[in-house]
PDB file of N, CA and C in Angstrom:
ATOM      1  N   MET A   1      72.140  85.080 171.053  1.00  0.00           N
ATOM      2  CA  MET A   1      72.765  83.791 170.976  1.00  0.00           C
ATOM      3  C   MET A   1      74.393  84.251 170.892  1.00  0.00           C
ATOM      4  N   ALA A   2      75.165  83.667 171.737  1.00  0.00           N
ATOM      5  CA  ALA A   2      76.595  83.880 171.685  1.00  0.00           C
ATOM      6  C   ALA A   2      77.424  83.220 170.590  1.00  0.00           C
ATOM      7  N   LEU A   3      78.200  83.774 169.880  1.00  0.00           N
ATOM      8  CA  LEU A   3      78.957  83.123 168.828  1.00  0.00           C
ATOM      9  C   LEU A   3      79.801  81.975 169.272  1.00  0.00           C
ATOM     10  N   SER A   4      79.933  80.934 168.533  1.00  0.00           N
ATOM     11  CA  SER A   4      80.720  79.723 169.013  1.00  0.00           C
ATOM     12  C   SER A   4      82.178  80.156 168.961  1.00  0.00           C
ATOM     13  N   ARG A   5      83.031  79.396 169.521  1.00  0.00           N
ATOM     14  CA  ARG A   5      84.412  79.558 169.640  1.00  0.00           C
ATOM     15  C   ARG A   5      84.994  79.810 168.273  1.00  0.00           C
ATOM     16  N   LEU A   6      84.499  79.015 167.372  1.00  0.00           N
ATOM     17  CA  LEU A   6      85.082  79.131 165.906  1.00  0.00           C
ATOM     18  C   LEU A   6      84.645  80.437 165.262  1.00  0.00           C
ATOM     19  N   GLY A   7      83.341  80.917 165.537  1.00  0.00           N
ATOM     20  CA  GLY A   7      82.815  82.123 164.936  1.00  0.00           C
ATOM     21  C   GLY A   7      83.591  83.286 165.622  1.00  0.00           C
ATOM     22  N   ILE A   8      83.955  83.132 166.955  1.00  0.00           N
ATOM     23  CA  ILE A   8      84.720  84.347 167.543  1.00  0.00           C
ATOM     24  C   ILE A   8      86.101  84.404 166.933  1.00  0.00           C
ATOM     25  N   GLU A   9      86.634  83.198 166.714  1.00  0.00           N
ATOM     26  CA  GLU A   9      88.054  83.248 166.106  1.00  0.00           C
ATOM     27  C   GLU A   9      88.151  83.784 164.793  1.00  0.00           C
ATOM     28  N   PHE A  10      87.092  83.380 163.888  1.00  0.00           N
ATOM     29  CA  PHE A  10      87.143  83.713 162.552  1.00  0.00           C
ATOM     30  C   PHE A  10      86.769  85.318 162.566  1.00  0.00           C
ATOM     31  N   ALA A  11      85.754  85.756 163.205  1.00  0.00           N
ATOM     32  CA  ALA A  11      85.538  87.222 163.382  1.00  0.00           C
ATOM     33  C   ALA A  11      86.708  88.012 163.810  1.00  0.00           C
ATOM     34  N   ALA A  12      87.622  87.615 164.827  1.00  0.00           N
ATOM     35  CA  ALA A  12      88.690  88.260 165.340  1.00  0.00           C
ATOM     36  C   ALA A  12      89.669  88.350 164.264  1.00  0.00           C
ATOM     37  N   GLU A  13      89.950  87.419 163.444  1.00  0.00           N
ATOM     38  CA  GLU A  13      90.871  87.280 162.350  1.00  0.00           C
ATOM     39  C   GLU A  13      90.402  88.350 161.109  1.00  0.00           C
ATOM     40  N   ILE A  14      89.081  88.295 160.805  1.00  0.00           N
ATOM     41  CA  ILE A  14      88.653  89.272 159.808  1.00  0.00           C
ATOM     42  C   ILE A  14      88.559  90.678 160.471  1.00  0.00           C
ATOM     43  N   PHE A  15      88.349  90.945 161.615  1.00  0.00           N
ATOM     44  CA  PHE A  15      88.347  92.246 162.209  1.00  0.00           C
ATOM     45  C   PHE A  15      89.718  92.798 162.275  1.00  0.00           C
ATOM     46  N   ASN A  16      90.744  92.010 162.602  1.00  0.00           N
ATOM     47  CA  ASN A  16      92.059  92.242 162.750  1.00  0.00           C
ATOM     48  C   ASN A  16      92.798  92.629 161.481  1.00  0.00           C
ATOM     49  N   HIS A  17      92.409  92.116 160.374  1.00  0.00           N
ATOM     50  CA  HIS A  17      93.058  92.227 159.085  1.00  0.00           C
ATOM     51  C   HIS A  17      93.055  93.645 158.527  1.00  0.00           C
ATOM     52  N   ASP A  18      94.052  94.193 157.790  1.00  0.00           N
ATOM     53  CA  ASP A  18      93.912  95.317 157.076  1.00  0.00           C
ATOM     54  C   ASP A  18      93.481  95.052 155.741  1.00  0.00           C
ATOM     55  N   TRP A  19      92.243  95.553 155.482  1.00  0.00           N
ATOM     56  CA  TRP A  19      91.624  95.309 154.242  1.00  0.00           C
ATOM     57  C   TRP A  19      91.814  96.334 153.118  1.00  0.00           C
ATOM     58  N   SER A  20      92.518  97.359 153.467  1.00  0.00           N
ATOM     59  CA  SER A  20      92.662  98.626 152.573  1.00  0.00           C
ATOM     60  C   SER A  20      93.480  98.255 151.379  1.00  0.00           C
ATOM     61  N   ASP A  21      94.208  97.290 151.257  1.00  0.00           N
ATOM     62  CA  ASP A  21      95.154  97.080 150.090  1.00  0.00           C
ATOM     63  C   ASP A  21      94.730  95.530 149.506  1.00  0.00           C
ATOM     64  N   ALA A  22      93.651  94.936 149.995  1.00  0.00           N
ATOM     65  CA  ALA A  22      93.247  93.629 149.586  1.00  0.00           C
ATOM     66  C   ALA A  22      93.380  93.228 148.061  1.00  0.00           C
ATOM     67  N   PRO A  23      92.804  94.038 147.252  1.00  0.00           N
ATOM     68  CA  PRO A  23      92.921  93.762 145.823  1.00  0.00           C
ATOM     69  C   PRO A  23      94.445  93.822 145.263  1.00  0.00           C
ATOM     70  N   TYR A  24      95.278  94.452 145.891  1.00  0.00           N
ATOM     71  CA  TYR A  24      96.635  94.681 145.356  1.00  0.00           C
ATOM     72  C   TYR A  24      97.692  93.768 145.792  1.00  0.00           C
ATOM     73  N   ARG A  25      97.414  93.000 146.787  1.00  0.00           N
ATOM     74  CA  ARG A  25      98.578  92.048 147.152  1.00  0.00           C
ATOM     75  C   ARG A  25      97.805  90.914 147.949  1.00  0.00           C
ATOM     76  N   ALA A  26      98.711  89.977 147.979  1.00  0.00           N
ATOM     77  CA  ALA A  26      98.353  88.713 149.024  1.00  0.00           C
ATOM     78  C   ALA A  26      98.969  89.144 150.278  1.00  0.00           C
ATOM     79  N   ASP A  27      98.100  89.022 151.344  1.00  0.00           N
ATOM     80  CA  ASP A  27      98.752  89.424 152.558  1.00  0.00           C
ATOM     81  C   ASP A  27      98.873  88.247 153.564  1.00  0.00           C
ATOM     82  N   ARG A  28      99.767  88.339 154.530  1.00  0.00           N
ATOM     83  CA  ARG A  28      99.915  87.323 155.518  1.00  0.00           C
ATOM     84  C   ARG A  28      98.864  87.735 156.518  1.00  0.00           C
ATOM     85  N   ALA A  29      98.506  86.791 157.444  1.00  0.00           N
ATOM     86  CA  ALA A  29      97.592  87.111 158.474  1.00  0.00           C
ATOM     87  C   ALA A  29      98.256  88.042 159.404  1.00  0.00           C
ATOM     88  N   GLY A  30      97.523  89.240 159.832  1.00  0.00           N
ATOM     89  CA  GLY A  30      98.051  90.137 160.673  1.00  0.00           C
ATOM     90  C   GLY A  30      98.711  91.372 160.122  1.00  0.00           C
ATOM     91  N   HIS A  31      98.583  91.396 158.844  1.00  0.00           N
ATOM     92  CA  HIS A  31      99.191  92.615 157.970  1.00  0.00           C
ATOM     93  C   HIS A  31      98.771  93.894 158.600  1.00  0.00           C
ATOM     94  N   ARG A  32      99.525  94.899 158.761  1.00  0.00           N
ATOM     95  CA  ARG A  32      99.088  96.208 159.300  1.00  0.00           C
ATOM     96  C   ARG A  32      99.800  97.374 158.531  1.00  0.00           C
ATOM     97  N   ARG A  33      98.875  98.079 157.887  1.00  0.00           N
ATOM     98  CA  ARG A  33      99.480  99.240 156.961  1.00  0.00           C
ATOM     99  C   ARG A  33     100.410 100.164 157.775  1.00  0.00           C
ATOM    100  N   ALA A  34     100.092 100.346 159.042  1.00  0.00           N
ATOM    101  CA  ALA A  34     101.005 101.231 159.638  1.00  0.00           C
ATOM    102  C   ALA A  34     102.454 100.852 159.862  1.00  0.00           C
ATOM    103  N   THR A  35     102.737  99.520 159.589  1.00  0.00           N
ATOM    104  CA  THR A  35     104.146  99.071 159.651  1.00  0.00           C
ATOM    105  C   THR A  35     104.657  98.476 158.307  1.00  0.00           C
ATOM    106  N   ASP A  36     103.872  98.853 157.377  1.00  0.00           N
ATOM    107  CA  ASP A  36     104.179  98.327 156.037  1.00  0.00           C
ATOM    108  C   ASP A  36     104.494  99.342 155.030  1.00  0.00           C
ATOM    109  N   ARG A  37     105.037  99.078 153.946  1.00  0.00           N
ATOM    110  CA  ARG A  37     105.534 100.105 152.981  1.00  0.00           C
ATOM    111  C   ARG A  37     104.125 100.692 152.350  1.00  0.00           C
ATOM    112  N   ALA A  38     104.152 101.970 151.930  1.00  0.00           N
ATOM    113  CA  ALA A  38     103.067 102.615 151.365  1.00  0.00           C
ATOM    114  C   ALA A  38     102.787 101.976 149.943  1.00  0.00           C
ATOM    115  N   GLY A  39     101.559 101.942 149.567  1.00  0.00           N
ATOM    116  CA  GLY A  39     101.035 101.572 148.117  1.00  0.00           C
ATOM    117  C   GLY A  39      99.731 101.950 148.133  1.00  0.00           C
ATOM    118  N   GLU A  40      99.139 101.324 146.891  1.00  0.00           N
ATOM    119  CA  GLU A  40      97.576 101.789 146.762  1.00  0.00           C
ATOM    120  C   GLU A  40      96.791 101.171 147.818  1.00  0.00           C
ATOM    121  N   VAL A  41      95.800 101.942 148.188  1.00  0.00           N
ATOM    122  CA  VAL A  41      94.909 101.516 149.146  1.00  0.00           C
ATOM    123  C   VAL A  41      93.423 101.919 148.658  1.00  0.00           C
ATOM    124  N   LEU A  42      92.525 101.132 149.345  1.00  0.00           N
ATOM    125  CA  LEU A  42      91.135 101.337 149.007  1.00  0.00           C
ATOM    126  C   LEU A  42      90.497 102.478 149.951  1.00  0.00           C
ATOM    127  N   THR A  43      89.569 103.104 149.676  1.00  0.00           N
ATOM    128  CA  THR A  43      88.758 104.049 150.563  1.00  0.00           C
ATOM    129  C   THR A  43      88.192 103.226 151.655  1.00  0.00           C
ATOM    130  N   ARG A  44      87.940 103.848 152.793  1.00  0.00           N
ATOM    131  CA  ARG A  44      87.195 103.135 153.889  1.00  0.00           C
ATOM    132  C   ARG A  44      86.127 102.342 153.454  1.00  0.00           C
ATOM    133  N   GLU A  45      85.193 102.896 152.560  1.00  0.00           N
ATOM    134  CA  GLU A  45      83.987 102.303 152.070  1.00  0.00           C
ATOM    135  C   GLU A  45      84.488 101.073 151.249  1.00  0.00           C
ATOM    136  N   GLU A  46      85.285 101.240 150.411  1.00  0.00           N
ATOM    137  CA  GLU A  46      85.709 100.092 149.513  1.00  0.00           C
ATOM    138  C   GLU A  46      86.233  98.842 150.405  1.00  0.00           C
ATOM    139  N   ALA A  47      87.102  99.171 151.342  1.00  0.00           N
ATOM    140  CA  ALA A  47      87.632  98.253 152.323  1.00  0.00           C
ATOM    141  C   ALA A  47      86.622  97.582 152.960  1.00  0.00           C
ATOM    142  N   ASN A  48      85.640  98.254 153.552  1.00  0.00           N
ATOM    143  CA  ASN A  48      84.452  97.729 154.265  1.00  0.00           C
ATOM    144  C   ASN A  48      83.678  96.617 153.386  1.00  0.00           C
ATOM    145  N   ARG A  49      83.488  97.039 152.123  1.00  0.00           N
ATOM    146  CA  ARG A  49      82.898  96.072 151.201  1.00  0.00           C
ATOM    147  C   ARG A  49      83.680  94.860 151.010  1.00  0.00           C
ATOM    148  N   VAL A  50      85.081  94.881 150.959  1.00  0.00           N
ATOM    149  CA  VAL A  50      85.816  93.677 151.020  1.00  0.00           C
ATOM    150  C   VAL A  50      85.630  92.900 152.246  1.00  0.00           C
ATOM    151  N   ARG A  51      85.693  93.508 153.443  1.00  0.00           N
ATOM    152  CA  ARG A  51      85.517  92.888 154.612  1.00  0.00           C
ATOM    153  C   ARG A  51      84.194  92.323 154.635  1.00  0.00           C
ATOM    154  N   ALA A  52      83.065  92.877 154.214  1.00  0.00           N
ATOM    155  CA  ALA A  52      81.669  92.319 154.352  1.00  0.00           C
ATOM    156  C   ALA A  52      81.612  91.052 153.477  1.00  0.00           C
ATOM    157  N   ASN A  53      82.312  91.135 152.342  1.00  0.00           N
ATOM    158  CA  ASN A  53      82.208  89.878 151.448  1.00  0.00           C
ATOM    159  C   ASN A  53      82.957  88.697 152.096  1.00  0.00           C
ATOM    160  N   VAL A  54      84.076  89.063 152.719  1.00  0.00           N
ATOM    161  CA  VAL A  54      84.818  87.867 153.470  1.00  0.00           C
ATOM    162  C   VAL A  54      83.955  87.373 154.580  1.00  0.00           C
ATOM    163  N   MET A  55      83.272  88.284 155.393  1.00  0.00           N
ATOM    164  CA  MET A  55      82.442  87.915 156.465  1.00  0.00           C
ATOM    165  C   MET A  55      81.299  87.105 155.953  1.00  0.00           C
ATOM    166  N   LEU A  56      80.742  87.476 154.644  1.00  0.00           N
ATOM    167  CA  LEU A  56      79.694  86.616 154.251  1.00  0.00           C
ATOM    168  C   LEU A  56      79.948  85.281 153.869  1.00  0.00           C
ATOM    169  N   VAL A  57      81.155  85.057 153.189  1.00  0.00           N
ATOM    170  CA  VAL A  57      81.621  83.803 152.897  1.00  0.00           C
ATOM    171  C   VAL A  57      81.769  82.859 153.978  1.00  0.00           C
ATOM    172  N   VAL A  58      82.392  83.388 155.146  1.00  0.00           N
ATOM    173  CA  VAL A  58      82.607  82.668 156.250  1.00  0.00           C
ATOM    174  C   VAL A  58      81.384  82.365 156.853  1.00  0.00           C
ATOM    175  N   ALA A  59      80.469  83.334 156.984  1.00  0.00           N
ATOM    176  CA  ALA A  59      78.936  83.200 157.596  1.00  0.00           C
ATOM    177  C   ALA A  59      78.264  82.153 157.007  1.00  0.00           C
ATOM    178  N   GLN A  60      78.470  81.871 155.677  1.00  0.00           N
ATOM    179  CA  GLN A  60      77.770  80.818 154.995  1.00  0.00           C
ATOM    180  C   GLN A  60      78.125  79.565 155.616  1.00  0.00           C
ATOM    181  N   VAL A  61      79.488  79.220 155.809  1.00  0.00           N
ATOM    182  CA  VAL A  61      79.853  77.934 156.226  1.00  0.00           C
ATOM    183  C   VAL A  61      79.526  77.942 157.782  1.00  0.00           C
ATOM    184  N   LEU A  62      79.683  78.892 158.544  1.00  0.00           N
ATOM    185  CA  LEU A  62      79.407  78.824 159.957  1.00  0.00           C
ATOM    186  C   LEU A  62      77.887  78.563 160.190  1.00  0.00           C
ATOM    187  N   GLY A  63      76.988  79.333 159.438  1.00  0.00           N
ATOM    188  CA  GLY A  63      75.609  79.103 159.390  1.00  0.00           C
ATOM    189  C   GLY A  63      75.108  77.664 159.113  1.00  0.00           C
ATOM    190  N   TYR A  64      75.799  77.100 158.194  1.00  0.00           N
ATOM    191  CA  TYR A  64      75.410  75.821 157.829  1.00  0.00           C
ATOM    192  C   TYR A  64      75.981  74.740 158.772  1.00  0.00           C
ATOM    193  N   GLN A  65      77.062  75.006 159.580  1.00  0.00           N
ATOM    194  CA  GLN A  65      77.535  74.212 160.648  1.00  0.00           C
ATOM    195  C   GLN A  65      76.916  74.336 161.897  1.00  0.00           C
ATOM    196  N   ASP A  66      76.440  75.501 162.275  1.00  0.00           N
ATOM    197  CA  ASP A  66      75.944  75.821 163.569  1.00  0.00           C
ATOM    198  C   ASP A  66      74.560  76.262 163.550  1.00  0.00           C
ATOM    199  N   PRO A  67      73.440  75.469 164.196  1.00  0.00           N
ATOM    200  CA  PRO A  67      72.169  75.871 163.976  1.00  0.00           C
ATOM    201  C   PRO A  67      71.753  77.018 164.860  1.00  0.00           C
ATOM    202  N   ASN A  68      72.648  77.475 165.850  1.00  0.00           N
ATOM    203  CA  ASN A  68      72.533  78.777 166.736  1.00  0.00           C
ATOM    204  C   ASN A  68      73.274  79.868 166.117  1.00  0.00           C
ATOM    205  N   PHE A  69      73.966  79.820 165.036  1.00  0.00           N
ATOM    206  CA  PHE A  69      74.602  80.992 164.342  1.00  0.00           C
ATOM    207  C   PHE A  69      73.817  82.129 164.284  1.00  0.00           C
ATOM    208  N   ASP A  70      74.432  83.326 164.662  1.00  0.00           N
ATOM    209  CA  ASP A  70      73.680  84.525 164.400  1.00  0.00           C
ATOM    210  C   ASP A  70      74.698  85.359 163.536  1.00  0.00           C
ATOM    211  N   PRO A  71      74.073  85.649 162.167  1.00  0.00           N
ATOM    212  CA  PRO A  71      74.856  86.375 161.177  1.00  0.00           C
ATOM    213  C   PRO A  71      74.932  87.716 161.580  1.00  0.00           C
ATOM    214  N   TYR A  72      74.157  88.370 162.230  1.00  0.00           N
ATOM    215  CA  TYR A  72      74.169  89.839 162.472  1.00  0.00           C
ATOM    216  C   TYR A  72      75.275  89.980 163.596  1.00  0.00           C
ATOM    217  N   GLU A  73      75.313  89.136 164.502  1.00  0.00           N
ATOM    218  CA  GLU A  73      76.280  89.258 165.631  1.00  0.00           C
ATOM    219  C   GLU A  73      77.650  88.893 165.092  1.00  0.00           C
ATOM    220  N   PHE A  74      77.662  87.996 164.054  1.00  0.00           N
ATOM    221  CA  PHE A  74      79.050  87.665 163.503  1.00  0.00           C
ATOM    222  C   PHE A  74      79.474  89.078 162.565  1.00  0.00           C
ATOM    223  N   ALA A  75      78.651  89.611 161.816  1.00  0.00           N
ATOM    224  CA  ALA A  75      78.949  90.829 161.004  1.00  0.00           C
ATOM    225  C   ALA A  75      79.569  91.890 161.972  1.00  0.00           C
ATOM    226  N   GLU A  76      78.832  92.118 163.182  1.00  0.00           N
ATOM    227  CA  GLU A  76      79.249  93.144 164.046  1.00  0.00           C
ATOM    228  C   GLU A  76      80.576  92.731 164.567  1.00  0.00           C
ATOM    229  N   ALA A  77      80.897  91.409 165.006  1.00  0.00           N
ATOM    230  CA  ALA A  77      82.159  91.109 165.627  1.00  0.00           C
ATOM    231  C   ALA A  77      83.311  91.150 164.556  1.00  0.00           C
ATOM    232  N   CYS A  78      82.836  91.181 163.378  1.00  0.00           N
ATOM    233  CA  CYS A  78      84.035  91.267 162.209  1.00  0.00           C
ATOM    234  C   CYS A  78      84.361  92.662 161.954  1.00  0.00           C
ATOM    235  N   GLY A  79      83.402  93.557 162.563  1.00  0.00           N
ATOM    236  CA  GLY A  79      83.780  94.922 162.319  1.00  0.00           C
ATOM    237  C   GLY A  79      83.390  95.641 160.973  1.00  0.00           C
ATOM    238  N   VAL A  80      82.310  94.837 160.346  1.00  0.00           N
ATOM    239  CA  VAL A  80      81.590  95.458 159.229  1.00  0.00           C
ATOM    240  C   VAL A  80      80.858  96.551 159.608  1.00  0.00           C
ATOM    241  N   GLU A  81      81.001  97.569 158.837  1.00  0.00           N
ATOM    242  CA  GLU A  81      80.227  98.995 159.221  1.00  0.00           C
ATOM    243  C   GLU A  81      79.156  99.180 158.407  1.00  0.00           C
ATOM    244  N   ASP A  82      78.205  99.717 158.792  1.00  0.00           N
ATOM    245  CA  ASP A  82      77.101 100.138 158.005  1.00  0.00           C
ATOM    246  C   ASP A  82      76.443  99.116 157.238  1.00  0.00           C
ATOM    247  N   PHE A  83      76.159  97.971 157.716  1.00  0.00           N
ATOM    248  CA  PHE A  83      75.731  96.817 157.132  1.00  0.00           C
ATOM    249  C   PHE A  83      74.453  96.296 157.677  1.00  0.00           C
ATOM    250  N   SER A  84      73.204  96.483 156.958  1.00  0.00           N
ATOM    251  CA  SER A  84      71.937  96.273 157.667  1.00  0.00           C
ATOM    252  C   SER A  84      71.616  94.853 157.810  1.00  0.00           C
ATOM    253  N   GLU A  85      70.625  94.435 158.583  1.00  0.00           N
ATOM    254  CA  GLU A  85      70.175  93.026 158.637  1.00  0.00           C
ATOM    255  C   GLU A  85      69.827  92.528 157.245  1.00  0.00           C
ATOM    256  N   GLU A  86      69.146  93.440 156.575  1.00  0.00           N
ATOM    257  CA  GLU A  86      68.757  92.989 155.219  1.00  0.00           C
ATOM    258  C   GLU A  86      69.885  92.747 154.265  1.00  0.00           C
ATOM    259  N   ALA A  87      70.980  93.486 154.235  1.00  0.00           N
ATOM    260  CA  ALA A  87      72.057  93.244 153.428  1.00  0.00           C
ATOM    261  C   ALA A  87      72.824  91.805 153.898  1.00  0.00           C
ATOM    262  N   VAL A  88      72.831  91.597 155.281  1.00  0.00           N
ATOM    263  CA  VAL A  88      73.377  90.443 155.637  1.00  0.00           C
ATOM    264  C   VAL A  88      72.532  89.204 154.974  1.00  0.00           C
ATOM    265  N   LEU A  89      71.224  89.225 155.235  1.00  0.00           N
ATOM    266  CA  LEU A  89      70.305  88.173 154.710  1.00  0.00           C
ATOM    267  C   LEU A  89      70.410  88.041 153.182  1.00  0.00           C
ATOM    268  N   ALA A  90      70.474  89.171 152.467  1.00  0.00           N
ATOM    269  CA  ALA A  90      70.629  89.140 151.111  1.00  0.00           C
ATOM    270  C   ALA A  90      71.838  88.550 150.602  1.00  0.00           C
ATOM    271  N   GLY A  91      72.986  88.506 151.435  1.00  0.00           N
ATOM    272  CA  GLY A  91      74.224  88.059 151.081  1.00  0.00           C
ATOM    273  C   GLY A  91      74.497  86.633 151.257  1.00  0.00           C
ATOM    274  N   LEU A  92      73.593  86.099 152.039  1.00  0.00           N
ATOM    275  CA  LEU A  92      73.635  84.604 152.339  1.00  0.00           C
ATOM    276  C   LEU A  92      72.714  83.711 151.639  1.00  0.00           C
ATOM    277  N   ARG A  93      72.962  82.525 151.353  1.00  0.00           N
ATOM    278  CA  ARG A  93      72.102  81.520 150.833  1.00  0.00           C
ATOM    279  C   ARG A  93      71.401  80.903 151.706  1.00  0.00           C
ATOM    280  N   ILE A  94      70.223  81.304 152.204  1.00  0.00           N
ATOM    281  CA  ILE A  94      69.364  80.780 153.236  1.00  0.00           C
ATOM    282  C   ILE A  94      68.073  80.617 152.537  1.00  0.00           C
ATOM    283  N   SER A  95      67.334  79.404 152.905  1.00  0.00           N
ATOM    284  CA  SER A  95      66.025  79.089 152.437  1.00  0.00           C
ATOM    285  C   SER A  95      64.994  79.946 153.157  1.00  0.00           C
ATOM    286  N   LEU A  96      63.787  79.899 152.647  1.00  0.00           N
ATOM    287  CA  LEU A  96      62.582  80.562 153.469  1.00  0.00           C
ATOM    288  C   LEU A  96      62.384  79.778 154.911  1.00  0.00           C
ATOM    289  N   ALA A  97      62.919  78.607 154.883  1.00  0.00           N
ATOM    290  CA  ALA A  97      62.717  77.904 156.050  1.00  0.00           C
ATOM    291  C   ALA A  97      63.911  77.994 157.082  1.00  0.00           C
ATOM    292  N   GLY A  98      64.930  78.905 156.617  1.00  0.00           N
ATOM    293  CA  GLY A  98      65.961  79.292 157.552  1.00  0.00           C
ATOM    294  C   GLY A  98      67.152  78.344 157.469  1.00  0.00           C
ATOM    295  N   GLN A  99      67.177  77.501 156.360  1.00  0.00           N
ATOM    296  CA  GLN A  99      68.297  76.542 156.216  1.00  0.00           C
ATOM    297  C   GLN A  99      69.359  77.175 155.258  1.00  0.00           C
ATOM    298  N   TYR A 100      70.604  77.035 155.727  1.00  0.00           N
ATOM    299  CA  TYR A 100      71.733  77.468 154.894  1.00  0.00           C
ATOM    300  C   TYR A 100      72.032  76.389 153.871  1.00  0.00           C
ATOM    301  N   ALA A 101      72.411  76.942 152.498  1.00  0.00           N
ATOM    302  CA  ALA A 101      72.752  76.315 151.586  1.00  0.00           C
ATOM    303  C   ALA A 101      74.097  75.397 151.987  1.00  0.00           C
ATOM    304  N   THR A 102      74.228  74.245 151.391  1.00  0.00           N
ATOM    305  CA  THR A 102      75.570  73.387 151.623  1.00  0.00           C
ATOM    306  C   THR A 102      76.626  74.321 151.084  1.00  0.00           C
ATOM    307  N   PRO A 103      77.683  74.429 151.846  1.00  0.00           N
ATOM    308  CA  PRO A 103      78.938  75.298 151.345  1.00  0.00           C
ATOM    309  C   PRO A 103      79.398  74.859 149.943  1.00  0.00           C
ATOM    310  N   GLY A 104      79.476  75.733 149.124  1.00  0.00           N
ATOM    311  CA  GLY A 104      79.917  75.430 147.621  1.00  0.00           C
ATOM    312  C   GLY A 104      78.886  75.170 146.848  1.00  0.00           C
ATOM    313  N   THR A 105      77.563  75.213 147.308  1.00  0.00           N
ATOM    314  CA  THR A 105      76.300  74.742 146.371  1.00  0.00           C
ATOM    315  C   THR A 105      75.249  75.823 146.696  1.00  0.00           C
ATOM    316  N   TRP A 106      74.230  75.648 145.823  1.00  0.00           N
ATOM    317  CA  TRP A 106      72.998  76.443 146.020  1.00  0.00           C
ATOM    318  C   TRP A 106      71.952  75.454 146.774  1.00  0.00           C
ATOM    319  N   ASP A 107      72.392  74.178 147.239  1.00  0.00           N
ATOM    320  CA  ASP A 107      71.430  73.187 147.603  1.00  0.00           C
ATOM    321  C   ASP A 107      71.334  73.351 148.959  1.00  0.00           C
ATOM    322  N   HIS A 108      69.943  73.312 149.518  1.00  0.00           N
ATOM    323  CA  HIS A 108      69.496  73.319 150.866  1.00  0.00           C
ATOM    324  C   HIS A 108      69.225  72.001 151.361  1.00  0.00           C
ATOM    325  N   MET A 109      69.641  71.632 152.459  1.00  0.00           N
ATOM    326  CA  MET A 109      69.418  70.255 152.940  1.00  0.00           C
ATOM    327  C   MET A 109      67.888  69.954 153.102  1.00  0.00           C
TER     328      MET A 109
END
C-alpha cells in the first residue's frame, strides 16, 4: 500500500533531519551537521534510535487517521535503520484487532 501524501511528507522531513545532536539542541527544520558548527553528537546507532522514536510517534497518529497506513513502509521511508517489523509493532499502540489507540491515549476506538 502506498503512503498517503501526508505520510510521504512526514517521512521526508524525518529522513532529512540530522538526528546526531538531537538531545543537545533544538534544531530548525533542515539542520545539517556539515554546514553547522561542531558540537556533541550521538553515535549512528543512538541517532537512529532517536529517529525511530520520532517515526513511531508520527506513525501512531498516521495509523489512527489512515486505515491503509503501512507502518513498515513508513519506517523505511523515514530512513530508520535495522528496525524489524516486530520492533515497529511493539512501538505502536495497536489493539489485537489492528486498531490504533486514539492519539494521546491508550484507548482504542
